Amino acid sequence: QVQLVESGGGLVQAGGSLRLSCAASGSIFSIDAMGWYRQAPGKQRDLVAAITSGGHINYADSVKGRFTISRDNAKNTVYLQMNSLKPEDTAVYYCKIVTWTGPIPRDYWGQGTQVTVSS
């Protein structure tokens, strides 16, 4: 069984910063992509940032220039550095990893961590 544990969420004023971490453990042999999603009340879950095993990175347009995704492969951990936070960034943030079993991809999700940005 694979488990993802998130940390780093909290309450911050607009313009502040937070750093989210997501550590994977369990039956993990190889991780391909790692990413962060967020979901606000009444909204769909949207991709925030993702990084592949080859180092390719995608960001949502709304966070470009403010957020930075990185990964530590030795620790099976992905990070999201969030700067210049805005109230519209308020959401539950979920990490996701993609592993491969032969030709079959498997997705695993973290438990979610609340990020609240006050004006």
C-alpha atoms as a PDB file:
ATOM      1  CA  GLN A   1       0.000   0.000   0.000  1.00  0.00           C
ATOM      2  CA  VAL A   2       1.175   3.520  -0.863  1.00  0.00           C
ATOM      3  CA  GLN A   3       0.592   6.464   1.446  1.00  0.00           C
ATOM      4  CA  LEU A   4       1.136  10.164   0.756  1.00  0.00           C
ATOM      5  CA  VAL A   5       1.419  12.506   3.743  1.00  0.00           C
ATOM      6  CA  GLU A   6       1.065  16.243   3.199  1.00  0.00           C
ATOM      7  CA  SER A   7       2.187  19.058   5.464  1.00  0.00           C
ATOM      8  CA  GLY A   8       2.750  22.803   5.416  1.00  0.00           C
ATOM      9  CA  GLY A   9      -0.741  24.205   5.013  1.00  0.00           C
ATOM     10  CA  GLY A  10      -2.166  26.895   7.228  1.00  0.00           C
ATOM     11  CA  LEU A  11      -3.460  30.437   7.499  1.00  0.00           C
ATOM     12  CA  VAL A  12      -1.488  33.286   5.972  1.00  0.00           C
ATOM     13  CA  GLN A  13      -2.149  36.904   5.056  1.00  0.00           C
ATOM     14  CA  ALA A  14      -2.235  38.042   1.453  1.00  0.00           C
ATOM     15  CA  GLY A  15       1.279  38.518   0.136  1.00  0.00           C
ATOM     16  CA  GLY A  16       2.715  35.874   2.439  1.00  0.00           C
ATOM     17  CA  SER A  17       4.318  32.524   1.683  1.00  0.00           C
ATOM     18  CA  LEU A  18       3.834  28.851   2.481  1.00  0.00           C
ATOM     19  CA  ARG A  19       5.779  25.725   1.561  1.00  0.00           C
ATOM     20  CA  LEU A  20       3.879  22.472   1.105  1.00  0.00           C
ATOM     21  CA  SER A  21       5.514  19.056   1.332  1.00  0.00           C
ATOM     22  CA  CYS A  22       4.249  15.641   0.291  1.00  0.00           C
ATOM     23  CA  ALA A  23       6.181  12.501   1.220  1.00  0.00           C
ATOM     24  CA  ALA A  24       5.339   9.118  -0.272  1.00  0.00           C
ATOM     25  CA  SER A  25       5.967   5.828   1.500  1.00  0.00           C
ATOM     26  CA  GLY A  26       5.053   2.172   1.166  1.00  0.00           C
ATOM     27  CA  SER A  27       5.315  -0.086  -1.854  1.00  0.00           C
ATOM     28  CA  ILE A  28       6.968   2.445  -4.122  1.00  0.00           C
ATOM     29  CA  PHE A  29       9.454   1.261  -6.696  1.00  0.00           C
ATOM     30  CA  SER A  30       9.487   4.145  -9.147  1.00  0.00           C
ATOM     31  CA  ILE A  31       7.645   7.455  -9.366  1.00  0.00           C
ATOM     32  CA  ASP A  32       7.009   9.130 -12.689  1.00  0.00           C
ATOM     33  CA  ALA A  33       5.077  12.386 -12.399  1.00  0.00           C
ATOM     34  CA  MET A  34       4.417  14.300  -9.185  1.00  0.00           C
ATOM     35  CA  GLY A  35       2.018  17.192  -8.879  1.00  0.00           C
ATOM     36  CA  TRP A  36      -0.220  19.448  -6.859  1.00  0.00           C
ATOM     37  CA  TYR A  37      -3.937  20.075  -7.316  1.00  0.00           C
ATOM     38  CA  ARG A  38      -6.337  22.318  -5.443  1.00  0.00           C
ATOM     39  CA  GLN A  39     -10.068  22.403  -4.859  1.00  0.00           C
ATOM     40  CA  ALA A  40     -12.103  25.287  -3.474  1.00  0.00           C
ATOM     41  CA  PRO A  41     -15.658  24.803  -2.154  1.00  0.00           C
ATOM     42  CA  GLY A  42     -18.087  24.252  -5.007  1.00  0.00           C
ATOM     43  CA  LYS A  43     -15.278  24.049  -7.555  1.00  0.00           C
ATOM     44  CA  GLN A  44     -13.632  21.230  -9.462  1.00  0.00           C
ATOM     45  CA  ARG A  45     -10.185  19.954  -8.580  1.00  0.00           C
ATOM     46  CA  ASP A  46      -7.660  21.699 -10.830  1.00  0.00           C
ATOM     47  CA  LEU A  47      -3.998  21.136 -11.574  1.00  0.00           C
ATOM     48  CA  VAL A  48      -1.697  23.695  -9.952  1.00  0.00           C
ATOM     49  CA  ALA A  49       1.724  22.366 -10.933  1.00  0.00           C
ATOM     50  CA  ALA A  50       3.318  19.126 -12.064  1.00  0.00           C
ATOM     51  CA  ILE A  51       6.832  17.825 -12.609  1.00  0.00           C
ATOM     52  CA  THR A  52       7.811  14.715 -14.542  1.00  0.00           C
ATOM     53  CA  SER A  53      10.688  12.352 -13.893  1.00  0.00           C
ATOM     54  CA  GLY A  54      12.475  14.036 -16.792  1.00  0.00           C
ATOM     55  CA  GLY A  55      12.187  17.450 -15.159  1.00  0.00           C
ATOM     56  CA  HIS A  56       9.458  18.943 -17.343  1.00  0.00           C
ATOM     57  CA  ILE A  57       7.278  21.357 -15.349  1.00  0.00           C
ATOM     58  CA  ASN A  58       3.807  22.753 -15.997  1.00  0.00           C
ATOM     59  CA  TYR A  59       2.047  25.487 -14.021  1.00  0.00           C
ATOM     60  CA  ALA A  60      -1.484  26.754 -14.086  1.00  0.00           C
ATOM     61  CA  ASP A  61      -1.590  30.245 -15.565  1.00  0.00           C
ATOM     62  CA  SER A  62      -2.965  31.629 -12.312  1.00  0.00           C
ATOM     63  CA  VAL A  63       0.177  30.684 -10.341  1.00  0.00           C
ATOM     64  CA  LYS A  64       2.958  31.285 -12.854  1.00  0.00           C
ATOM     65  CA  GLY A  65       5.671  33.487 -11.398  1.00  0.00           C
ATOM     66  CA  ARG A  66       4.454  32.921  -7.839  1.00  0.00           C
ATOM     67  CA  PHE A  67       4.634  29.150  -7.195  1.00  0.00           C
ATOM     68  CA  THR A  68       7.565  26.776  -7.641  1.00  0.00           C
ATOM     69  CA  ILE A  69       7.351  22.990  -7.717  1.00  0.00           C
ATOM     70  CA  SER A  70      10.346  20.773  -6.962  1.00  0.00           C
ATOM     71  CA  ARG A  71      11.051  17.154  -6.049  1.00  0.00           C
ATOM     72  CA  ASP A  72      13.580  15.139  -4.093  1.00  0.00           C
ATOM     73  CA  ASN A  73      13.671  11.717  -5.696  1.00  0.00           C
ATOM     74  CA  ALA A  74      15.834  10.195  -2.955  1.00  0.00           C
ATOM     75  CA  LYS A  75      13.165  11.084  -0.390  1.00  0.00           C
ATOM     76  CA  ASN A  76      10.123  10.463  -2.628  1.00  0.00           C
ATOM     77  CA  THR A  77       8.987  13.969  -1.769  1.00  0.00           C
ATOM     78  CA  VAL A  78       7.458  16.799  -3.797  1.00  0.00           C
ATOM     79  CA  TYR A  79       7.322  20.423  -2.657  1.00  0.00           C
ATOM     80  CA  LEU A  80       5.304  23.477  -3.586  1.00  0.00           C
ATOM     81  CA  GLN A  81       6.744  26.857  -2.650  1.00  0.00           C
ATOM     82  CA  MET A  82       3.939  29.424  -2.730  1.00  0.00           C
ATOM     83  CA  ASN A  83       4.827  33.121  -2.691  1.00  0.00           C
ATOM     84  CA  SER A  84       2.753  36.284  -3.062  1.00  0.00           C
ATOM     85  CA  LEU A  85      -0.338  34.407  -1.960  1.00  0.00           C
ATOM     86  CA  LYS A  86      -3.760  35.795  -2.810  1.00  0.00           C
ATOM     87  CA  PRO A  87      -7.188  35.134  -1.267  1.00  0.00           C
ATOM     88  CA  GLU A  88      -8.147  33.337  -4.486  1.00  0.00           C
ATOM     89  CA  ASP A  89      -5.471  30.735  -3.673  1.00  0.00           C
ATOM     90  CA  THR A  90      -7.571  29.553  -0.718  1.00  0.00           C
ATOM     91  CA  ALA A  91      -8.348  25.862  -1.236  1.00  0.00           C
ATOM     92  CA  VAL A  92      -7.554  22.351  -0.130  1.00  0.00           C
ATOM     93  CA  TYR A  93      -4.312  21.324  -1.797  1.00  0.00           C
ATOM     94  CA  TYR A  94      -3.750  17.696  -2.792  1.00  0.00           C
ATOM     95  CA  CYS A  95      -0.571  16.059  -3.987  1.00  0.00           C
ATOM     96  CA  LYS A  96      -0.578  13.228  -6.507  1.00  0.00           C
ATOM     97  CA  ILE A  97       2.027  10.797  -7.740  1.00  0.00           C
ATOM     98  CA  VAL A  98       1.980   8.494 -10.743  1.00  0.00           C
ATOM     99  CA  THR A  99       3.756   5.142 -10.606  1.00  0.00           C
ATOM    100  CA  TRP A 100       4.038   2.434 -13.228  1.00  0.00           C
ATOM    101  CA  THR A 101       3.464  -1.298 -13.023  1.00  0.00           C
ATOM    102  CA  GLY A 102       4.698  -2.452 -16.397  1.00  0.00           C
ATOM    103  CA  PRO A 103       2.572  -0.526 -18.898  1.00  0.00           C
ATOM    104  CA  ILE A 104      -0.111   0.344 -16.329  1.00  0.00           C
ATOM    105  CA  PRO A 105      -0.078   3.737 -14.583  1.00  0.00           C
ATOM    106  CA  ARG A 106      -1.321   4.048 -11.010  1.00  0.00           C
ATOM    107  CA  ASP A 107      -2.384   7.285  -9.316  1.00  0.00           C
ATOM    108  CA  TYR A 108      -2.108   7.976  -5.584  1.00  0.00           C
ATOM    109  CA  TRP A 109      -3.474  11.008  -3.737  1.00  0.00           C
ATOM    110  CA  GLY A 110      -2.548  12.735  -0.511  1.00  0.00           C
ATOM    111  CA  GLN A 111      -5.091  13.503   2.199  1.00  0.00           C
ATOM    112  CA  GLY A 112      -5.221  17.212   1.390  1.00  0.00           C
ATOM    113  CA  THR A 113      -4.016  20.213   3.353  1.00  0.00           C
ATOM    114  CA  GLN A 114      -5.963  23.437   3.860  1.00  0.00           C
ATOM    115  CA  VAL A 115      -4.463  26.715   2.662  1.00  0.00           C
ATOM    116  CA  THR A 116      -6.328  29.847   3.710  1.00  0.00           C
ATOM    117  CA  VAL A 117      -5.232  33.307   2.571  1.00  0.00           C
ATOM    118  CA  SER A 118      -6.828  36.286   4.296  1.00  0.00           C
ATOM    119  CA  SER A 119      -7.139  39.744   2.768  1.00  0.00           C
END
